[in-house]
Amino acid sequence: WLGLSRLVAHGAGPAPAGWTEQEWTTRSMLMRQENAFLANIREGPLKGSADLARKAGGLDHLPLIVLTAGQPDSDMQRAWIALQGELARRSTRSRQVVVMNSEHDTPVEAPGAVIDAVRDMVFELRSPK
């Protein structure tokens, strides 16, 4: 599969409006991974979701926990963790949790991390300000 995905993958080309060159290059590297290629076939392209997220702007004081799958053992994975960190920084009431030993399906691969995040969010929302 990986060889096939590399064969049919297009070059990154110029960054679309609203994307930095670094964001576009990182996205292109991530999309060339075998798991991303297969997920795109099943779920559709990532670009539309990323564009929607950018248009949403800041999240002000919205409570947010960003669960990031990964093990920072490659440049691409470190870049993905950094991009997810940028998402977390869109709110003043957010945090990022890197879930080790998890890949694309964190709820299945690390259900405890999801349960902890939901529990933390419920506690935060019920706590007096």
N, C-alpha and C. Protein backbone atom coordinates (compact mmCIF):
# COMPACT_ATOMS: atom_id res chain seq x y z
N TRP A 1 0.81 -1.20 0.00
CA TRP A 1 0.00 0.00 0.00
C TRP A 1 0.85 1.26 0.00
N LEU A 2 1.88 1.27 0.81
CA LEU A 2 2.70 2.47 0.92
C LEU A 2 3.31 2.84 -0.42
N GLY A 3 3.82 1.83 -1.13
CA GLY A 3 4.39 2.10 -2.45
C GLY A 3 3.35 2.67 -3.40
N LEU A 4 2.14 2.12 -3.36
CA LEU A 4 1.06 2.61 -4.21
C LEU A 4 0.70 4.05 -3.85
N SER A 5 0.63 4.34 -2.54
CA SER A 5 0.26 5.70 -2.14
C SER A 5 1.31 6.71 -2.57
N ARG A 6 2.58 6.32 -2.49
CA ARG A 6 3.64 7.22 -2.94
C ARG A 6 3.59 7.42 -4.45
N LEU A 7 3.23 6.35 -5.16
CA LEU A 7 3.15 6.42 -6.61
C LEU A 7 2.07 7.40 -7.06
N VAL A 8 0.90 7.36 -6.41
CA VAL A 8 -0.21 8.21 -6.85
C VAL A 8 -0.24 9.56 -6.14
N ALA A 9 0.59 9.76 -5.12
CA ALA A 9 0.59 11.03 -4.38
C ALA A 9 1.15 12.14 -5.27
N HIS A 10 0.50 13.27 -5.22
CA HIS A 10 0.96 14.43 -5.97
C HIS A 10 1.93 15.21 -5.09
N GLY A 11 2.78 16.01 -5.71
CA GLY A 11 3.67 16.88 -4.95
C GLY A 11 2.84 17.90 -4.18
N ALA A 12 3.45 18.49 -3.19
CA ALA A 12 2.73 19.43 -2.34
C ALA A 12 2.24 20.64 -3.13
N GLY A 13 3.03 21.11 -4.07
CA GLY A 13 2.64 22.28 -4.84
C GLY A 13 2.59 23.51 -3.95
N PRO A 14 2.11 24.63 -4.49
CA PRO A 14 2.05 25.85 -3.68
C PRO A 14 0.97 25.75 -2.61
N ALA A 15 1.22 26.41 -1.49
CA ALA A 15 0.25 26.41 -0.39
C ALA A 15 -1.01 27.18 -0.81
N PRO A 16 -2.19 26.63 -0.50
CA PRO A 16 -3.44 27.34 -0.80
C PRO A 16 -3.57 28.59 0.08
N ALA A 17 -4.43 29.48 -0.30
CA ALA A 17 -4.67 30.70 0.47
C ALA A 17 -5.05 30.33 1.90
N GLY A 18 -4.46 31.02 2.86
CA GLY A 18 -4.77 30.77 4.27
C GLY A 18 -3.85 29.75 4.92
N TRP A 19 -3.00 29.09 4.15
CA TRP A 19 -2.07 28.09 4.67
C TRP A 19 -0.66 28.67 4.59
N THR A 20 0.16 28.43 5.60
CA THR A 20 1.57 28.77 5.50
C THR A 20 2.27 27.66 4.73
N GLU A 21 3.45 27.96 4.21
CA GLU A 21 4.22 26.92 3.50
C GLU A 21 4.53 25.76 4.43
N GLN A 22 4.87 26.06 5.69
CA GLN A 22 5.18 25.00 6.66
C GLN A 22 3.96 24.11 6.92
N GLU A 23 2.79 24.73 7.11
CA GLU A 23 1.57 23.95 7.34
C GLU A 23 1.27 23.05 6.14
N TRP A 24 1.40 23.61 4.93
CA TRP A 24 1.08 22.85 3.72
C TRP A 24 2.07 21.69 3.53
N THR A 25 3.35 21.95 3.77
CA THR A 25 4.37 20.90 3.64
C THR A 25 4.14 19.80 4.67
N THR A 26 3.84 20.21 5.91
CA THR A 26 3.58 19.22 6.96
C THR A 26 2.36 18.39 6.62
N ARG A 27 1.30 19.04 6.18
CA ARG A 27 0.08 18.31 5.79
C ARG A 27 0.38 17.31 4.68
N SER A 28 1.16 17.75 3.70
CA SER A 28 1.50 16.88 2.59
C SER A 28 2.30 15.67 3.05
N MET A 29 3.25 15.88 3.97
CA MET A 29 4.02 14.76 4.51
C MET A 29 3.11 13.80 5.27
N LEU A 30 2.21 14.35 6.08
CA LEU A 30 1.30 13.49 6.85
C LEU A 30 0.38 12.70 5.93
N MET A 31 -0.08 13.32 4.86
CA MET A 31 -1.02 12.65 3.97
C MET A 31 -0.36 11.55 3.14
N ARG A 32 0.97 11.54 3.10
CA ARG A 32 1.66 10.48 2.37
C ARG A 32 1.88 9.23 3.21
N GLN A 33 1.52 9.28 4.48
CA GLN A 33 1.64 8.09 5.32
C GLN A 33 0.58 7.07 4.90
N GLU A 34 0.90 5.81 5.03
CA GLU A 34 -0.03 4.76 4.62
C GLU A 34 -1.37 4.87 5.33
N ASN A 35 -1.38 5.11 6.65
CA ASN A 35 -2.64 5.21 7.38
C ASN A 35 -3.49 6.38 6.89
N ALA A 36 -2.85 7.49 6.57
CA ALA A 36 -3.59 8.66 6.08
C ALA A 36 -4.17 8.37 4.70
N PHE A 37 -3.41 7.70 3.87
CA PHE A 37 -3.89 7.35 2.53
C PHE A 37 -5.14 6.48 2.63
N LEU A 38 -5.09 5.47 3.49
CA LEU A 38 -6.23 4.57 3.65
C LEU A 38 -7.41 5.30 4.29
N ALA A 39 -7.14 6.16 5.26
CA ALA A 39 -8.22 6.92 5.91
C ALA A 39 -8.89 7.85 4.91
N ASN A 40 -8.12 8.45 4.02
CA ASN A 40 -8.68 9.34 3.00
C ASN A 40 -9.65 8.59 2.09
N ILE A 41 -9.30 7.36 1.77
CA ILE A 41 -10.19 6.56 0.94
C ILE A 41 -11.52 6.35 1.65
N ARG A 42 -11.46 6.08 2.97
CA ARG A 42 -12.67 5.80 3.74
C ARG A 42 -13.41 7.06 4.17
N GLU A 43 -12.68 8.12 4.53
CA GLU A 43 -13.30 9.27 5.21
C GLU A 43 -13.32 10.55 4.41
N GLY A 44 -12.62 10.63 3.32
CA GLY A 44 -12.59 11.86 2.55
C GLY A 44 -11.37 12.70 2.91
N PRO A 45 -11.08 13.72 2.13
CA PRO A 45 -9.86 14.48 2.31
C PRO A 45 -9.84 15.34 3.57
N LEU A 46 -8.61 15.53 4.06
CA LEU A 46 -8.37 16.31 5.27
C LEU A 46 -8.45 17.81 5.02
N LYS A 47 -8.15 18.26 3.80
CA LYS A 47 -8.05 19.69 3.52
C LYS A 47 -9.32 20.44 3.88
N GLY A 48 -10.48 19.89 3.57
CA GLY A 48 -11.74 20.56 3.89
C GLY A 48 -11.90 20.78 5.38
N SER A 49 -11.56 19.79 6.18
CA SER A 49 -11.66 19.91 7.63
C SER A 49 -10.69 20.96 8.15
N ALA A 50 -9.48 20.96 7.61
CA ALA A 50 -8.48 21.95 8.05
C ALA A 50 -8.93 23.36 7.68
N ASP A 51 -9.50 23.52 6.50
CA ASP A 51 -10.00 24.84 6.09
C ASP A 51 -11.12 25.31 7.02
N LEU A 52 -12.02 24.41 7.39
CA LEU A 52 -13.10 24.78 8.31
C LEU A 52 -12.54 25.18 9.67
N ALA A 53 -11.55 24.45 10.15
CA ALA A 53 -10.94 24.79 11.44
C ALA A 53 -10.30 26.17 11.40
N ARG A 54 -9.63 26.49 10.30
CA ARG A 54 -8.99 27.80 10.19
C ARG A 54 -10.03 28.92 10.18
N LYS A 55 -11.13 28.72 9.49
CA LYS A 55 -12.18 29.73 9.41
C LYS A 55 -12.86 29.96 10.75
N ALA A 56 -12.81 28.96 11.62
CA ALA A 56 -13.45 29.09 12.93
C ALA A 56 -12.73 30.10 13.80
N GLY A 57 -11.46 30.36 13.53
CA GLY A 57 -10.70 31.32 14.31
C GLY A 57 -10.42 30.82 15.71
N GLY A 58 -10.28 31.79 16.64
CA GLY A 58 -9.98 31.43 18.02
C GLY A 58 -11.20 30.84 18.72
N LEU A 59 -10.94 30.12 19.76
CA LEU A 59 -12.01 29.50 20.54
C LEU A 59 -12.22 30.21 21.88
N ASP A 60 -11.58 31.38 22.02
CA ASP A 60 -11.72 32.22 23.21
C ASP A 60 -11.51 31.41 24.49
N HIS A 61 -12.56 31.27 25.31
CA HIS A 61 -12.45 30.60 26.61
C HIS A 61 -13.17 29.26 26.63
N LEU A 62 -13.45 28.71 25.47
CA LEU A 62 -14.13 27.43 25.40
C LEU A 62 -13.26 26.34 26.01
N PRO A 63 -13.81 25.52 26.88
CA PRO A 63 -13.02 24.41 27.42
C PRO A 63 -12.74 23.39 26.32
N LEU A 64 -11.51 22.93 26.26
CA LEU A 64 -11.11 22.04 25.18
C LEU A 64 -9.97 21.14 25.65
N ILE A 65 -10.08 19.86 25.36
CA ILE A 65 -8.98 18.93 25.57
C ILE A 65 -8.71 18.29 24.21
N VAL A 66 -7.49 18.45 23.73
CA VAL A 66 -7.09 17.89 22.46
C VAL A 66 -6.30 16.61 22.73
N LEU A 67 -6.89 15.47 22.38
CA LEU A 67 -6.20 14.19 22.50
C LEU A 67 -5.44 13.94 21.21
N THR A 68 -4.14 13.85 21.30
CA THR A 68 -3.30 13.67 20.13
C THR A 68 -2.69 12.28 20.16
N ALA A 69 -3.00 11.50 19.16
CA ALA A 69 -2.41 10.17 19.07
C ALA A 69 -0.95 10.30 18.71
N GLY A 70 -0.14 9.46 19.30
CA GLY A 70 1.21 9.46 18.79
C GLY A 70 2.32 9.13 19.74
N GLN A 71 3.41 8.89 19.08
CA GLN A 71 4.68 8.67 19.71
C GLN A 71 5.67 9.54 18.94
N PRO A 72 6.27 10.52 19.60
CA PRO A 72 7.13 11.46 18.87
C PRO A 72 8.45 10.83 18.43
N ASP A 73 8.36 9.80 17.58
CA ASP A 73 9.56 9.09 17.15
C ASP A 73 9.93 9.36 15.69
N SER A 74 9.24 10.31 15.06
CA SER A 74 9.58 10.67 13.68
C SER A 74 9.30 12.16 13.50
N ASP A 75 9.90 12.73 12.46
CA ASP A 75 9.66 14.15 12.17
C ASP A 75 8.20 14.40 11.87
N MET A 76 7.57 13.49 11.13
CA MET A 76 6.16 13.69 10.79
C MET A 76 5.29 13.63 12.04
N GLN A 77 5.57 12.70 12.94
CA GLN A 77 4.75 12.60 14.14
C GLN A 77 4.96 13.81 15.04
N ARG A 78 6.20 14.28 15.14
CA ARG A 78 6.45 15.50 15.93
C ARG A 78 5.72 16.69 15.32
N ALA A 79 5.68 16.78 13.99
CA ALA A 79 4.96 17.87 13.32
C ALA A 79 3.46 17.77 13.61
N TRP A 80 2.91 16.56 13.58
CA TRP A 80 1.49 16.36 13.87
C TRP A 80 1.17 16.78 15.30
N ILE A 81 2.02 16.40 16.23
CA ILE A 81 1.82 16.78 17.64
C ILE A 81 1.86 18.30 17.78
N ALA A 82 2.79 18.94 17.07
CA ALA A 82 2.88 20.41 17.12
C ALA A 82 1.63 21.06 16.54
N LEU A 83 1.11 20.54 15.42
CA LEU A 83 -0.10 21.11 14.83
C LEU A 83 -1.30 20.95 15.76
N GLN A 84 -1.39 19.81 16.42
CA GLN A 84 -2.47 19.60 17.38
C GLN A 84 -2.31 20.55 18.57
N GLY A 85 -1.07 20.85 18.94
CA GLY A 85 -0.82 21.82 20.00
C GLY A 85 -1.32 23.20 19.63
N GLU A 86 -1.16 23.56 18.34
CA GLU A 86 -1.68 24.85 17.87
C GLU A 86 -3.20 24.89 18.02
N LEU A 87 -3.86 23.80 17.74
CA LEU A 87 -5.31 23.74 17.92
C LEU A 87 -5.65 23.96 19.40
N ALA A 88 -4.93 23.32 20.28
CA ALA A 88 -5.19 23.47 21.72
C ALA A 88 -5.01 24.91 22.17
N ARG A 89 -4.06 25.60 21.57
CA ARG A 89 -3.79 26.99 21.98
C ARG A 89 -4.84 27.98 21.48
N ARG A 90 -5.80 27.54 20.73
CA ARG A 90 -6.86 28.44 20.25
C ARG A 90 -7.82 28.84 21.37
N SER A 91 -7.77 28.14 22.48
CA SER A 91 -8.61 28.48 23.63
C SER A 91 -7.73 28.73 24.85
N THR A 92 -8.17 29.63 25.70
CA THR A 92 -7.41 29.89 26.93
C THR A 92 -7.69 28.82 27.98
N ARG A 93 -8.69 27.99 27.76
CA ARG A 93 -9.05 26.93 28.72
C ARG A 93 -8.86 25.55 28.09
N SER A 94 -7.69 25.34 27.54
CA SER A 94 -7.48 24.08 26.84
C SER A 94 -6.16 23.46 27.24
N ARG A 95 -6.02 22.20 26.87
CA ARG A 95 -4.76 21.51 27.04
C ARG A 95 -4.69 20.38 26.02
N GLN A 96 -3.48 20.00 25.74
CA GLN A 96 -3.24 18.90 24.82
C GLN A 96 -2.71 17.72 25.62
N VAL A 97 -3.22 16.53 25.29
CA VAL A 97 -2.74 15.30 25.90
C VAL A 97 -2.25 14.40 24.77
N VAL A 98 -0.96 14.09 24.78
CA VAL A 98 -0.41 13.17 23.78
C VAL A 98 -0.62 11.76 24.32
N VAL A 99 -1.38 10.98 23.59
CA VAL A 99 -1.75 9.63 24.02
C VAL A 99 -0.76 8.65 23.37
N MET A 100 0.19 8.20 24.17
CA MET A 100 1.19 7.26 23.67
C MET A 100 0.53 5.92 23.34
N ASN A 101 1.16 5.17 22.48
CA ASN A 101 0.67 3.85 22.04
C ASN A 101 -0.71 3.95 21.39
N SER A 102 -0.97 5.07 20.76
CA SER A 102 -2.24 5.26 20.06
C SER A 102 -1.93 5.80 18.68
N GLU A 103 -2.74 5.38 17.73
CA GLU A 103 -2.55 5.88 16.37
C GLU A 103 -3.80 6.59 15.92
N HIS A 104 -4.48 6.08 14.91
CA HIS A 104 -5.62 6.77 14.32
C HIS A 104 -6.91 6.57 15.11
N ASP A 105 -7.04 5.50 15.86
CA ASP A 105 -8.30 5.16 16.52
C ASP A 105 -8.15 5.19 18.04
N THR A 106 -7.86 6.36 18.59
CA THR A 106 -7.58 6.51 20.02
C THR A 106 -8.69 5.95 20.91
N PRO A 107 -9.97 6.15 20.62
CA PRO A 107 -10.99 5.59 21.52
C PRO A 107 -10.91 4.07 21.66
N VAL A 108 -10.47 3.39 20.62
CA VAL A 108 -10.33 1.93 20.68
C VAL A 108 -8.98 1.54 21.27
N GLU A 109 -7.93 2.24 20.87
CA GLU A 109 -6.58 1.88 21.27
C GLU A 109 -6.23 2.35 22.68
N ALA A 110 -6.84 3.43 23.14
CA ALA A 110 -6.53 3.97 24.47
C ALA A 110 -7.81 4.54 25.10
N PRO A 111 -8.80 3.68 25.37
CA PRO A 111 -10.07 4.19 25.89
C PRO A 111 -9.94 4.92 27.23
N GLY A 112 -8.97 4.54 28.02
CA GLY A 112 -8.78 5.22 29.31
C GLY A 112 -8.47 6.69 29.15
N ALA A 113 -7.72 7.04 28.11
CA ALA A 113 -7.39 8.46 27.87
C ALA A 113 -8.64 9.24 27.51
N VAL A 114 -9.52 8.64 26.73
CA VAL A 114 -10.77 9.30 26.36
C VAL A 114 -11.67 9.46 27.59
N ILE A 115 -11.78 8.41 28.37
CA ILE A 115 -12.60 8.47 29.59
C ILE A 115 -12.07 9.54 30.53
N ASP A 116 -10.75 9.59 30.72
CA ASP A 116 -10.17 10.62 31.59
C ASP A 116 -10.46 12.02 31.08
N ALA A 117 -10.35 12.23 29.77
CA ALA A 117 -10.61 13.55 29.19
C ALA A 117 -12.06 13.95 29.38
N VAL A 118 -12.99 13.03 29.16
CA VAL A 118 -14.41 13.32 29.36
C VAL A 118 -14.68 13.63 30.82
N ARG A 119 -14.14 12.82 31.70
CA ARG A 119 -14.32 13.04 33.15
C ARG A 119 -13.77 14.42 33.56
N ASP A 120 -12.57 14.76 33.07
CA ASP A 120 -11.98 16.08 33.38
C ASP A 120 -12.85 17.21 32.87
N MET A 121 -13.39 17.05 31.67
CA MET A 121 -14.23 18.10 31.08
C MET A 121 -15.52 18.26 31.87
N VAL A 122 -16.15 17.17 32.25
CA VAL A 122 -17.38 17.24 33.05
C VAL A 122 -17.09 17.93 34.37
N PHE A 123 -15.99 17.56 35.02
CA PHE A 123 -15.61 18.18 36.30
C PHE A 123 -15.40 19.68 36.13
N GLU A 124 -14.69 20.05 35.06
CA GLU A 124 -14.43 21.49 34.82
C GLU A 124 -15.72 22.25 34.57
N LEU A 125 -16.62 21.69 33.79
CA LEU A 125 -17.87 22.38 33.47
C LEU A 125 -18.80 22.49 34.66
N ARG A 126 -18.73 21.54 35.58
CA ARG A 126 -19.60 21.57 36.76
C ARG A 126 -19.02 22.38 37.91
N SER A 127 -17.74 22.68 37.85
CA SER A 127 -17.09 23.43 38.93
C SER A 127 -17.50 24.90 38.86
N PRO A 128 -17.72 25.50 40.03
CA PRO A 128 -18.04 26.94 40.03
C PRO A 128 -16.84 27.73 39.53
N LYS A 129 -17.13 28.79 38.85
CA LYS A 129 -16.06 29.64 38.28
C LYS A 129 -15.52 30.57 39.33
